[in-house]
C-alpha atoms as a PDB file:
ATOM      1  CA  MET A   1     -26.752 -99.947 -72.987  1.00  0.00           C
ATOM      2  CA  SER A   2     -26.429-103.070 -71.402  1.00  0.00           C
ATOM      3  CA  THR A   3     -24.240-106.087 -72.420  1.00  0.00           C
ATOM      4  CA  ARG A   4     -27.446-108.558 -72.678  1.00  0.00           C
ATOM      5  CA  GLU A   5     -28.331-105.885 -75.784  1.00  0.00           C
ATOM      6  CA  VAL A   6     -25.895-105.859 -77.192  1.00  0.00           C
ATOM      7  CA  GLN A   7     -24.928-108.720 -77.722  1.00  0.00           C
ATOM      8  CA  THR A   8     -28.801-110.220 -78.025  1.00  0.00           C
ATOM      9  CA  VAL A   9     -30.253-109.463 -81.849  1.00  0.00           C
ATOM     10  CA  SER A  10     -33.496-109.979 -82.556  1.00  0.00           C
ATOM     11  CA  ILE A  11     -34.019-112.531 -85.300  1.00  0.00           C
ATOM     12  CA  ASP A  12     -38.135-111.526 -85.822  1.00  0.00           C
ATOM     13  CA  PRO A  13     -39.424-110.158 -89.210  1.00  0.00           C
ATOM     14  CA  THR A  14     -40.187-106.671 -90.342  1.00  0.00           C
ATOM     15  CA  GLY A  15     -42.635-107.128 -93.148  1.00  0.00           C
ATOM     16  CA  PRO A  16     -45.789-104.345 -92.977  1.00  0.00           C
ATOM     17  CA  MET A  17     -49.189-105.475 -92.345  1.00  0.00           C
ATOM     18  CA  PRO A  18     -51.400-106.462 -95.199  1.00  0.00           C
ATOM     19  CA  PRO A  19     -54.648-105.640 -96.349  1.00  0.00           C
ATOM     20  CA  PRO A  20     -57.836-107.239 -95.759  1.00  0.00           C
ATOM     21  CA  ASP A  21     -59.550-108.513 -98.767  1.00  0.00           C
ATOM     22  CA  GLY A  22     -62.737-107.317-100.109  1.00  0.00           C
ATOM     23  CA  SER A  23     -64.797-109.228 -97.577  1.00  0.00           C
ATOM     24  CA  GLY A  24     -62.709-108.021 -94.523  1.00  0.00           C
ATOM     25  CA  ARG A  25     -60.796-111.480 -94.433  1.00  0.00           C
ATOM     26  CA  LEU A  26     -56.833-111.366 -94.086  1.00  0.00           C
ATOM     27  CA  ILE A  27     -54.892-114.432 -94.213  1.00  0.00           C
ATOM     28  CA  LEU A  28     -51.474-115.535 -93.223  1.00  0.00           C
ATOM     29  CA  ASN A  29     -49.199-118.054 -93.841  1.00  0.00           C
ATOM     30  CA  GLU A  30     -45.872-118.712 -93.127  1.00  0.00           C
ATOM     31  CA  THR A  31     -43.498-117.375 -94.937  1.00  0.00           C
ATOM     32  CA  ASN A  32     -39.852-119.711 -93.975  1.00  0.00           C
ATOM     33  CA  GLY A  33     -41.795-123.043 -94.523  1.00  0.00           C
ATOM     34  CA  ASN A  34     -39.425-125.832 -95.752  1.00  0.00           C
ATOM     35  CA  PHE A  35     -41.856-128.271 -98.533  1.00  0.00           C
ATOM     36  CA  VAL A  36     -39.145-129.781 -99.963  1.00  0.00           C
ATOM     37  CA  PHE A  37     -37.859-130.653 -96.145  1.00  0.00           C
ATOM     38  CA  SER A  38     -41.405-131.467 -95.410  1.00  0.00           C
ATOM     39  CA  ALA A  39     -41.899-133.692 -97.561  1.00  0.00           C
ATOM     40  CA  VAL A  40     -38.856-136.016 -97.620  1.00  0.00           C
ATOM     41  CA  ALA A  41     -39.422-136.660 -94.059  1.00  0.00           C
ATOM     42  CA  ALA A  42     -42.687-137.701 -93.934  1.00  0.00           C
ATOM     43  CA  PHE A  43     -41.592-139.702 -97.353  1.00  0.00           C
ATOM     44  CA  ILE A  44     -39.103-141.046 -95.216  1.00  0.00           C
ATOM     45  CA  PHE A  45     -40.816-142.064 -92.456  1.00  0.00           C
ATOM     46  CA  SER A  46     -44.115-143.701 -94.205  1.00  0.00           C
ATOM     47  CA  ALA A  47     -41.270-146.167 -96.270  1.00  0.00           C
ATOM     48  CA  VAL A  48     -39.826-146.793 -93.062  1.00  0.00           C
ATOM     49  CA  ALA A  49     -43.076-147.482 -91.185  1.00  0.00           C
ATOM     50  CA  LEU A  50     -44.143-149.305 -93.864  1.00  0.00           C
ATOM     51  CA  VAL A  51     -41.486-151.767 -94.509  1.00  0.00           C
ATOM     52  CA  SER A  52     -41.588-152.446 -91.221  1.00  0.00           C
ATOM     53  CA  LEU A  53     -45.111-153.396 -90.883  1.00  0.00           C
ATOM     54  CA  LEU A  54     -44.388-155.533 -94.092  1.00  0.00           C
ATOM     55  CA  TYR A  55     -41.194-157.195 -91.640  1.00  0.00           C
ATOM     56  CA  TRP A  56     -43.901-157.941 -89.037  1.00  0.00           C
ATOM     57  CA  VAL A  57     -45.750-159.353 -91.616  1.00  0.00           C
ATOM     58  CA  ILE A  58     -43.783-161.576 -93.041  1.00  0.00           C
ATOM     59  CA  TYR A  59     -42.173-163.078 -89.389  1.00  0.00           C
ATOM     60  CA  PHE A  60     -45.592-163.459 -88.565  1.00  0.00           C
ATOM     61  CA  GLU A  61     -46.985-165.711 -91.426  1.00  0.00           C
ATOM     62  CA  ALA A  62     -43.543-167.428 -91.809  1.00  0.00           C
ATOM     63  CA  GLY A  63     -42.505-167.530 -88.104  1.00  0.00           C
ATOM     64  CA  HIS A  64     -38.907-166.662 -89.264  1.00  0.00           C
ATOM     65  CA  PHE A  65     -37.482-163.921 -91.235  1.00  0.00           C
ATOM     66  CA  THR A  66     -33.775-163.498 -93.388  1.00  0.00           C
ATOM     67  CA  ARG A  67     -31.639-162.122 -91.143  1.00  0.00           C
ATOM     68  CA  LEU A  68     -29.651-158.917 -92.518  1.00  0.00           C
ATOM     69  CA  ALA A  69     -25.788-158.364 -91.881  1.00  0.00           C
ATOM     70  CA  ASN A  70     -26.532-155.091 -90.809  1.00  0.00           C
ATOM     71  CA  PRO A  71     -27.793-154.410 -87.699  1.00  0.00           C
ATOM     72  CA  VAL A  72     -28.389-151.093 -87.764  1.00  0.00           C
ATOM     73  CA  PHE A  73     -30.292-151.585 -90.504  1.00  0.00           C
ATOM     74  CA  THR A  74     -32.253-154.339 -88.480  1.00  0.00           C
ATOM     75  CA  ALA A  75     -32.988-152.031 -85.527  1.00  0.00           C
ATOM     76  CA  ILE A  76     -34.282-149.479 -87.810  1.00  0.00           C
ATOM     77  CA  ILE A  77     -36.740-152.530 -89.996  1.00  0.00           C
ATOM     78  CA  LYS A  78     -38.039-153.939 -86.567  1.00  0.00           C
ATOM     79  CA  PHE A  79     -38.378-150.831 -84.642  1.00  0.00           C
ATOM     80  CA  GLY A  80     -39.226-148.331 -87.357  1.00  0.00           C
ATOM     81  CA  PHE A  81     -43.636-149.632 -86.760  1.00  0.00           C
ATOM     82  CA  LEU A  82     -42.837-146.859 -83.795  1.00  0.00           C
ATOM     83  CA  LEU A  83     -42.763-143.549 -86.016  1.00  0.00           C
ATOM     84  CA  LEU A  84     -45.778-144.617 -86.910  1.00  0.00           C
ATOM     85  CA  PRO A  85     -47.755-142.210 -84.653  1.00  0.00           C
ATOM     86  CA  PHE A  86     -45.560-139.266 -85.357  1.00  0.00           C
ATOM     87  CA  LEU A  87     -47.215-139.478 -89.627  1.00  0.00           C
ATOM     88  CA  PRO A  88     -49.989-137.678 -88.964  1.00  0.00           C
ATOM     89  CA  PHE A  89     -48.686-134.495 -87.868  1.00  0.00           C
ATOM     90  CA  LEU A  90     -46.323-135.227 -90.150  1.00  0.00           C
ATOM     91  CA  PHE A  91     -48.334-135.189 -93.072  1.00  0.00           C
ATOM     92  CA  GLY A  92     -50.756-132.860 -91.273  1.00  0.00           C
ATOM     93  CA  GLU A  93     -47.601-130.262 -91.325  1.00  0.00           C
ATOM     94  CA  LEU A  94     -46.865-131.177 -95.371  1.00  0.00           C
ATOM     95  CA  LEU A  95     -50.608-130.225 -96.015  1.00  0.00           C
ATOM     96  CA  SER A  96     -51.639-127.738 -93.866  1.00  0.00           C
ATOM     97  CA  PRO A  97     -49.028-125.149 -93.109  1.00  0.00           C
ATOM     98  CA  PRO A  98     -48.965-122.890 -90.188  1.00  0.00           C
ATOM     99  CA  ARG A  99     -52.012-120.309 -91.315  1.00  0.00           C
ATOM    100  CA  ILE A 100     -53.667-117.039 -89.754  1.00  0.00           C
ATOM    101  CA  THR A 101     -57.031-116.652 -90.290  1.00  0.00           C
ATOM    102  CA  VAL A 102     -58.580-112.817 -89.783  1.00  0.00           C
ATOM    103  CA  ASN A 103     -62.454-111.617 -89.988  1.00  0.00           C
ATOM    104  CA  ASP A 104     -64.915-110.069 -88.466  1.00  0.00           C
ATOM    105  CA  ALA A 105     -65.734-113.674 -86.380  1.00  0.00           C
ATOM    106  CA  GLY A 106     -62.530-113.698 -84.795  1.00  0.00           C
ATOM    107  CA  ILE A 107     -58.774-115.045 -84.693  1.00  0.00           C
ATOM    108  CA  THR A 108     -58.274-118.020 -86.096  1.00  0.00           C
ATOM    109  CA  LEU A 109     -54.844-120.311 -86.286  1.00  0.00           C
ATOM    110  CA  ARG A 110     -54.186-123.431 -87.914  1.00  0.00           C
ATOM    111  CA  GLN A 111     -50.871-125.474 -87.162  1.00  0.00           C
ATOM    112  CA  ARG A 112     -50.956-129.551 -88.063  1.00  0.00           C
ATOM    113  CA  GLY A 113     -54.050-129.438 -90.322  1.00  0.00           C
ATOM    114  CA  VAL A 114     -55.607-128.634 -86.524  1.00  0.00           C
ATOM    115  CA  SER A 115     -57.376-125.100 -86.131  1.00  0.00           C
ATOM    116  CA  LYS A 116     -58.170-123.089 -83.700  1.00  0.00           C
ATOM    117  CA  THR A 117     -60.834-119.896 -83.474  1.00  0.00           C
ATOM    118  CA  ILE A 118     -60.915-117.218 -80.372  1.00  0.00           C
ATOM    119  CA  PRO A 119     -63.600-114.996 -80.724  1.00  0.00           C
ATOM    120  CA  TRP A 120     -63.594-111.137 -80.667  1.00  0.00           C
ATOM    121  CA  GLY A 121     -66.205-110.977 -77.624  1.00  0.00           C
ATOM    122  CA  ASP A 122     -64.025-113.605 -76.087  1.00  0.00           C
ATOM    123  CA  VAL A 123     -60.582-111.555 -76.657  1.00  0.00           C
ATOM    124  CA  VAL A 124     -59.070-109.909 -73.105  1.00  0.00           C
ATOM    125  CA  GLU A 125     -55.688-110.095 -74.321  1.00  0.00           C
ATOM    126  CA  ILE A 126     -52.937-109.493 -76.823  1.00  0.00           C
ATOM    127  CA  ASN A 127     -49.371-110.231 -74.962  1.00  0.00           C
ATOM    128  CA  LEU A 128     -45.749-110.639 -76.804  1.00  0.00           C
ATOM    129  CA  GLN A 129     -43.400-111.935 -74.833  1.00  0.00           C
ATOM    130  CA  GLU A 130     -40.435-111.959 -75.951  1.00  0.00           C
ATOM    131  CA  ARG A 131     -38.123-115.655 -76.184  1.00  0.00           C
ATOM    132  CA  VAL A 132     -33.658-115.768 -74.974  1.00  0.00           C
ATOM    133  CA  ILE A 133     -32.484-118.126 -76.843  1.00  0.00           C
ATOM    134  CA  ARG A 134     -28.544-118.442 -76.190  1.00  0.00           C
ATOM    135  CA  ASP A 135     -26.617-121.414 -78.906  1.00  0.00           C
ATOM    136  CA  ARG A 136     -23.550-123.494 -77.202  1.00  0.00           C
ATOM    137  CA  TYR A 137     -21.780-120.778 -79.818  1.00  0.00           C
ATOM    138  CA  GLY A 138     -22.352-118.441 -77.288  1.00  0.00           C
ATOM    139  CA  GLY A 139     -24.366-116.382 -79.465  1.00  0.00           C
ATOM    140  CA  VAL A 140     -27.947-114.685 -78.457  1.00  0.00           C
ATOM    141  CA  THR A 141     -30.721-114.308 -80.059  1.00  0.00           C
ATOM    142  CA  SER A 142     -34.394-113.185 -79.321  1.00  0.00           C
ATOM    143  CA  ARG A 143     -37.911-113.827 -80.664  1.00  0.00           C
ATOM    144  CA  THR A 144     -40.806-112.252 -79.810  1.00  0.00           C
ATOM    145  CA  TYR A 145     -44.606-114.141 -79.561  1.00  0.00           C
ATOM    146  CA  CYS A 146     -47.837-112.515 -79.880  1.00  0.00           C
ATOM    147  CA  ARG A 147     -50.429-114.230 -77.805  1.00  0.00           C
ATOM    148  CA  VAL A 148     -53.618-113.886 -78.228  1.00  0.00           C
ATOM    149  CA  ILE A 149     -55.572-114.773 -74.745  1.00  0.00           C
ATOM    150  CA  GLY A 150     -59.068-115.267 -74.648  1.00  0.00           C
ATOM    151  CA  ALA A 151     -62.150-116.198 -72.410  1.00  0.00           C
ATOM    152  CA  ARG A 152     -62.187-119.194 -69.687  1.00  0.00           C
ATOM    153  CA  GLY A 153     -57.844-119.512 -70.492  1.00  0.00           C
ATOM    154  CA  ALA A 154     -58.244-119.699 -74.462  1.00  0.00           C
ATOM    155  CA  ARG A 155     -54.775-118.518 -75.766  1.00  0.00           C
ATOM    156  CA  LEU A 156     -52.980-118.928 -79.426  1.00  0.00           C
ATOM    157  CA  ILE A 157     -49.344-118.248 -79.291  1.00  0.00           C
ATOM    158  CA  LEU A 158     -48.315-116.625 -83.157  1.00  0.00           C
ATOM    159  CA  ASP A 159     -45.381-117.737 -84.008  1.00  0.00           C
ATOM    160  CA  PRO A 160     -42.528-115.013 -85.166  1.00  0.00           C
ATOM    161  CA  ILE A 161     -42.893-117.375 -88.954  1.00  0.00           C
ATOM    162  CA  PHE A 162     -45.555-115.025 -90.617  1.00  0.00           C
ATOM    163  CA  GLY A 163     -43.387-112.603 -92.273  1.00  0.00           C
ATOM    164  CA  VAL A 164     -44.785-109.330 -90.043  1.00  0.00           C
ATOM    165  CA  SER A 165     -43.201-107.116 -87.216  1.00  0.00           C
ATOM    166  CA  PRO A 166     -44.518-108.983 -84.119  1.00  0.00           C
ATOM    167  CA  ALA A 167     -45.624-105.606 -82.519  1.00  0.00           C
ATOM    168  CA  ALA A 168     -47.743-104.931 -85.636  1.00  0.00           C
ATOM    169  CA  LEU A 169     -49.820-108.070 -85.911  1.00  0.00           C
ATOM    170  CA  ALA A 170     -50.362-107.152 -82.069  1.00  0.00           C
ATOM    171  CA  ALA A 171     -51.725-103.332 -83.243  1.00  0.00           C
ATOM    172  CA  TYR A 172     -53.719-104.896 -85.948  1.00  0.00           C
ATOM    173  CA  LEU A 173     -55.611-107.321 -83.719  1.00  0.00           C
ATOM    174  CA  GLN A 174     -56.344-105.000 -81.113  1.00  0.00           C
ATOM    175  CA  THR A 175     -57.954-102.259 -83.486  1.00  0.00           C
ATOM    176  CA  ARG A 176     -59.717-105.211 -85.733  1.00  0.00           C
ATOM    177  CA  GLY A 177     -60.839-106.437 -82.219  1.00  0.00           C
ATOM    178  CA  GLN A 178     -61.671-102.797 -80.402  1.00  0.00           C
ATOM    179  CA  ALA A 179     -64.018-102.086 -83.417  1.00  0.00           C
ATOM    180  CA  GLN A 180     -65.611-105.583 -83.813  1.00  0.00           C
ATOM    181  CA  THR A 181     -66.829-105.219 -79.810  1.00  0.00           C
ATOM    182  CA  SER A 182     -66.699-101.596 -78.735  1.00  0.00           C
ATOM    183  CA  GLY A 183     -64.492-102.600 -76.162  1.00  0.00           C
ATOM    184  CA  SER A 184     -60.862-102.193 -74.965  1.00  0.00           C
ATOM    185  CA  ILE A 185     -57.976-105.208 -75.573  1.00  0.00           C
ATOM    186  CA  PRO A 186     -54.828-104.147 -73.720  1.00  0.00           C
ATOM    187  CA  VAL A 187     -51.733-105.086 -75.459  1.00  0.00           C
ATOM    188  CA  THR A 188     -49.525-106.352 -73.277  1.00  0.00           C
ATOM    189  CA  GLN A 189     -45.397-106.960 -73.228  1.00  0.00           C
ATOM    190  CA  THR A 190     -43.926-109.163 -71.351  1.00  0.00           C
ATOM    191  CA  PRO A 191     -40.215-109.801 -70.655  1.00  0.00           C
ATOM    192  CA  SER A 192     -38.237-113.026 -71.103  1.00  0.00           C
ATOM    193  CA  PRO A 193     -38.930-115.406 -68.887  1.00  0.00           C
ATOM    194  CA  VAL A 194     -36.189-115.931 -66.187  1.00  0.00           C
ATOM    195  CA  MET A 195     -34.954-119.418 -67.682  1.00  0.00           C
ATOM    196  CA  PRO A 196     -35.715-119.631 -71.484  1.00  0.00           C
ATOM    197  CA  GLN A 197     -37.983-122.180 -72.840  1.00  0.00           C
ATOM    198  CA  HIS A 198     -34.980-124.796 -73.986  1.00  0.00           C
ATOM    199  CA  VAL A 199     -33.142-124.969 -71.447  1.00  0.00           C
ATOM    200  CA  ARG A 200     -35.839-126.148 -69.399  1.00  0.00           C
ATOM    201  CA  VAL A 201     -35.990-128.568 -72.652  1.00  0.00           C
ATOM    202  CA  GLN A 202     -32.904-129.351 -71.884  1.00  0.00           C
ATOM    203  CA  LEU A 203     -33.374-130.062 -68.429  1.00  0.00           C
ATOM    204  CA  THR A 204     -36.021-132.178 -68.339  1.00  0.00           C
ATOM    205  CA  MET A 205     -34.526-134.342 -70.717  1.00  0.00           C
ATOM    206  CA  LEU A 206     -31.625-134.661 -68.443  1.00  0.00           C
ATOM    207  CA  GLY A 207     -34.087-135.301 -65.593  1.00  0.00           C
ATOM    208  CA  ILE A 208     -35.272-138.632 -67.458  1.00  0.00           C
ATOM    209  CA  LEU A 209     -31.821-139.278 -68.666  1.00  0.00           C
ATOM    210  CA  ALA A 210     -30.317-139.352 -64.585  1.00  0.00           C
ATOM    211  CA  ALA A 211     -33.868-141.139 -63.159  1.00  0.00           C
ATOM    212  CA  PHE A 212     -32.912-143.216 -65.970  1.00  0.00           C
ATOM    213  CA  ALA A 213     -29.283-144.336 -65.050  1.00  0.00           C
ATOM    214  CA  VAL A 214     -30.313-144.881 -61.652  1.00  0.00           C
ATOM    215  CA  ALA A 215     -33.490-147.008 -62.720  1.00  0.00           C
ATOM    216  CA  ILE A 216     -30.618-148.784 -64.563  1.00  0.00           C
ATOM    217  CA  VAL A 217     -28.531-149.162 -62.107  1.00  0.00           C
ATOM    218  CA  LEU A 218     -30.859-149.868 -59.532  1.00  0.00           C
ATOM    219  CA  ALA A 219     -31.635-153.451 -61.240  1.00  0.00           C
ATOM    220  CA  ALA A 220     -28.542-154.188 -61.815  1.00  0.00           C
ATOM    221  CA  TYR A 221     -27.707-154.259 -58.007  1.00  0.00           C
ATOM    222  CA  GLY A 222     -30.580-156.167 -57.674  1.00  0.00           C
ATOM    223  CA  ILE A 223     -29.825-158.440 -60.190  1.00  0.00           C
ATOM    224  CA  MET A 224     -25.598-159.401 -59.218  1.00  0.00           C
ATOM    225  CA  ARG A 225     -27.131-159.240 -55.444  1.00  0.00           C
ATOM    226  CA  HIS A 226     -30.008-161.798 -56.215  1.00  0.00           C
ATOM    227  CA  SER A 227     -27.767-163.983 -58.754  1.00  0.00           C
ATOM    228  CA  PRO A 228     -25.449-166.466 -57.929  1.00  0.00           C
ATOM    229  CA  ALA A 229     -22.657-165.362 -60.755  1.00  0.00           C
END
């Protein structure tokens, strides 16, 4: 057994597939969702955004606003309205948590209040992809995502958050789809990418910060070059 296999710990759920209901519909809900955390986050973001809007309403009506002693609180009030675009996603996550619905028509994935369906006739492949995550303390874990790939580039990414084994889910979808279409739907296995997703995100953020730093340096150089001071 290799060193990587020894150190990597799978955090995939291992639950079995539940049976469908009397109408042949199978529903899988997120099992580890934190309703309290989502509700508190939605409340705090909404409160900050509304207080910020109230601040600007008073400011534009009166032409001024009472000076606040705490600069952090002042910044939150002034720029809290920037949280408004995130509120639909927060409330969508709160009111419509992730859900998988499998019926005779196809597979439906609901996320943040938005549902996407791939009919059985469009399913061309079911892929299991392992993603390795390395934390800052040296721990290595892996998660397996079940990806339903359809025609014309359509795909559903089923995260391992529904309490069932990803391999069991893929096998169930394969059996259900082949029974509906009388065709063959392969289940494939994709190894972990060479560069894990979180590393790509970190490198992207570092690139953005580096570009921002370069822009600040160039702006400061231009100001100092043309300023007598």
